[in-house]
């Protein structure tokens, strides 16, 4: 069996028989590399990899901003 065919079968099996709508060849290659074929789990792993690329100082700034937004959202929801 061809390697790409094997990857597509694994992806279909992990995603209830459907191909994810935004699946690219790059995603297929990364899924095989990570051995993660479930779409949402793969996206979480991909997001974590992107976060590792961000310098530590920037991550701290983003974390502070994210917390600030959550606090503001809670205040707005209480009104």
C-alpha atoms as a PDB file:
ATOM      1  CA  UNK A   1       0.000   0.000   0.000  1.00  0.00           C
ATOM      2  CA  UNK A   2       1.288   3.489  -0.824  1.00  0.00           C
ATOM      3  CA  UNK A   3       2.430   5.721   1.996  1.00  0.00           C
ATOM      4  CA  UNK A   4       0.042   8.575   1.180  1.00  0.00           C
ATOM      5  CA  UNK A   5      -2.852   6.140   0.909  1.00  0.00           C
ATOM      6  CA  UNK A   6      -1.940   4.782   4.339  1.00  0.00           C
ATOM      7  CA  UNK A   7      -1.823   8.334   5.787  1.00  0.00           C
ATOM      8  CA  UNK A   8      -5.230   9.188   4.294  1.00  0.00           C
ATOM      9  CA  UNK A   9      -6.763   5.992   5.670  1.00  0.00           C
ATOM     10  CA  UNK A  10      -5.388   6.820   9.133  1.00  0.00           C
ATOM     11  CA  UNK A  11      -6.771  10.361   8.883  1.00  0.00           C
ATOM     12  CA  UNK A  12     -10.195   9.087   7.777  1.00  0.00           C
ATOM     13  CA  UNK A  13     -10.310   6.525  10.590  1.00  0.00           C
ATOM     14  CA  UNK A  14      -9.346   9.105  13.225  1.00  0.00           C
ATOM     15  CA  UNK A  15     -11.901  11.679  11.997  1.00  0.00           C
ATOM     16  CA  UNK A  16     -15.089   9.603  11.744  1.00  0.00           C
ATOM     17  CA  UNK A  17     -14.622   8.796   8.067  1.00  0.00           C
ATOM     18  CA  UNK A  18     -14.301  12.420   6.912  1.00  0.00           C
ATOM     19  CA  UNK A  19     -11.360  14.431   5.673  1.00  0.00           C
ATOM     20  CA  UNK A  20     -10.875  17.690   7.595  1.00  0.00           C
ATOM     21  CA  UNK A  21     -12.023  20.652   5.441  1.00  0.00           C
ATOM     22  CA  UNK A  22      -8.727  22.604   5.516  1.00  0.00           C
ATOM     23  CA  UNK A  23      -6.355  19.648   5.207  1.00  0.00           C
ATOM     24  CA  UNK A  24      -3.209  20.379   3.195  1.00  0.00           C
ATOM     25  CA  UNK A  25      -0.337  18.191   2.036  1.00  0.00           C
ATOM     26  CA  UNK A  26       1.841  19.912   4.648  1.00  0.00           C
ATOM     27  CA  UNK A  27      -0.653  18.877   7.326  1.00  0.00           C
ATOM     28  CA  UNK A  28      -0.553  15.270   6.088  1.00  0.00           C
ATOM     29  CA  UNK A  29       3.231  15.227   6.293  1.00  0.00           C
ATOM     30  CA  UNK A  30       3.228  16.724   9.804  1.00  0.00           C
ATOM     31  CA  UNK A  31       0.483  14.339  10.960  1.00  0.00           C
ATOM     32  CA  UNK A  32       2.581  11.398   9.823  1.00  0.00           C
ATOM     33  CA  UNK A  33       5.658  12.897  11.494  1.00  0.00           C
ATOM     34  CA  UNK A  34       3.805  13.431  14.800  1.00  0.00           C
ATOM     35  CA  UNK A  35       1.818  10.178  14.395  1.00  0.00           C
ATOM     36  CA  UNK A  36      -1.309  12.182  15.273  1.00  0.00           C
ATOM     37  CA  UNK A  37      -4.180  11.756  12.823  1.00  0.00           C
ATOM     38  CA  UNK A  38      -7.097  13.275  14.738  1.00  0.00           C
ATOM     39  CA  UNK A  39      -7.603  16.819  13.388  1.00  0.00           C
ATOM     40  CA  UNK A  40      -8.232  18.731  16.637  1.00  0.00           C
ATOM     41  CA  UNK A  41      -5.454  16.970  18.502  1.00  0.00           C
ATOM     42  CA  UNK A  42      -3.103  17.709  15.595  1.00  0.00           C
ATOM     43  CA  UNK A  43      -4.061  21.414  15.640  1.00  0.00           C
ATOM     44  CA  UNK A  44      -3.359  21.583  19.396  1.00  0.00           C
ATOM     45  CA  UNK A  45       0.087  20.071  18.807  1.00  0.00           C
ATOM     46  CA  UNK A  46       0.723  22.478  15.923  1.00  0.00           C
ATOM     47  CA  UNK A  47      -0.295  25.450  18.113  1.00  0.00           C
ATOM     48  CA  UNK A  48       2.089  24.323  20.872  1.00  0.00           C
ATOM     49  CA  UNK A  49       4.900  24.088  18.316  1.00  0.00           C
ATOM     50  CA  UNK A  50       4.167  27.648  17.161  1.00  0.00           C
ATOM     51  CA  UNK A  51       4.207  28.884  20.750  1.00  0.00           C
ATOM     52  CA  UNK A  52       7.666  27.379  21.248  1.00  0.00           C
ATOM     53  CA  UNK A  53       8.931  29.532  18.394  1.00  0.00           C
ATOM     54  CA  UNK A  54       7.833  32.725  20.177  1.00  0.00           C
ATOM     55  CA  UNK A  55      10.552  34.206  22.431  1.00  0.00           C
ATOM     56  CA  UNK A  56       9.915  33.868  26.164  1.00  0.00           C
ATOM     57  CA  UNK A  57       9.476  37.635  26.660  1.00  0.00           C
ATOM     58  CA  UNK A  58       6.790  37.794  23.979  1.00  0.00           C
ATOM     59  CA  UNK A  59       5.000  34.789  25.498  1.00  0.00           C
ATOM     60  CA  UNK A  60       4.843  36.600  28.834  1.00  0.00           C
ATOM     61  CA  UNK A  61       3.359  39.677  27.154  1.00  0.00           C
ATOM     62  CA  UNK A  62       0.786  37.573  25.289  1.00  0.00           C
ATOM     63  CA  UNK A  63      -0.147  35.748  28.504  1.00  0.00           C
ATOM     64  CA  UNK A  64      -0.696  39.069  30.324  1.00  0.00           C
ATOM     65  CA  UNK A  65      -2.799  40.378  27.433  1.00  0.00           C
ATOM     66  CA  UNK A  66      -4.845  37.174  27.319  1.00  0.00           C
ATOM     67  CA  UNK A  67      -5.561  37.367  31.054  1.00  0.00           C
ATOM     68  CA  UNK A  68      -6.493  41.056  30.749  1.00  0.00           C
ATOM     69  CA  UNK A  69      -9.018  40.213  28.016  1.00  0.00           C
ATOM     70  CA  UNK A  70     -10.534  37.430  30.147  1.00  0.00           C
ATOM     71  CA  UNK A  71     -10.941  39.804  33.119  1.00  0.00           C
ATOM     72  CA  UNK A  72     -12.587  42.461  30.935  1.00  0.00           C
ATOM     73  CA  UNK A  73     -14.912  39.853  29.384  1.00  0.00           C
ATOM     74  CA  UNK A  74     -16.010  38.666  32.841  1.00  0.00           C
ATOM     75  CA  UNK A  75     -16.743  42.259  33.911  1.00  0.00           C
ATOM     76  CA  UNK A  76     -18.798  42.865  30.783  1.00  0.00           C
ATOM     77  CA  UNK A  77     -20.741  39.607  31.263  1.00  0.00           C
ATOM     78  CA  UNK A  78     -21.614  40.552  34.849  1.00  0.00           C
ATOM     79  CA  UNK A  79     -23.324  43.775  33.710  1.00  0.00           C
END
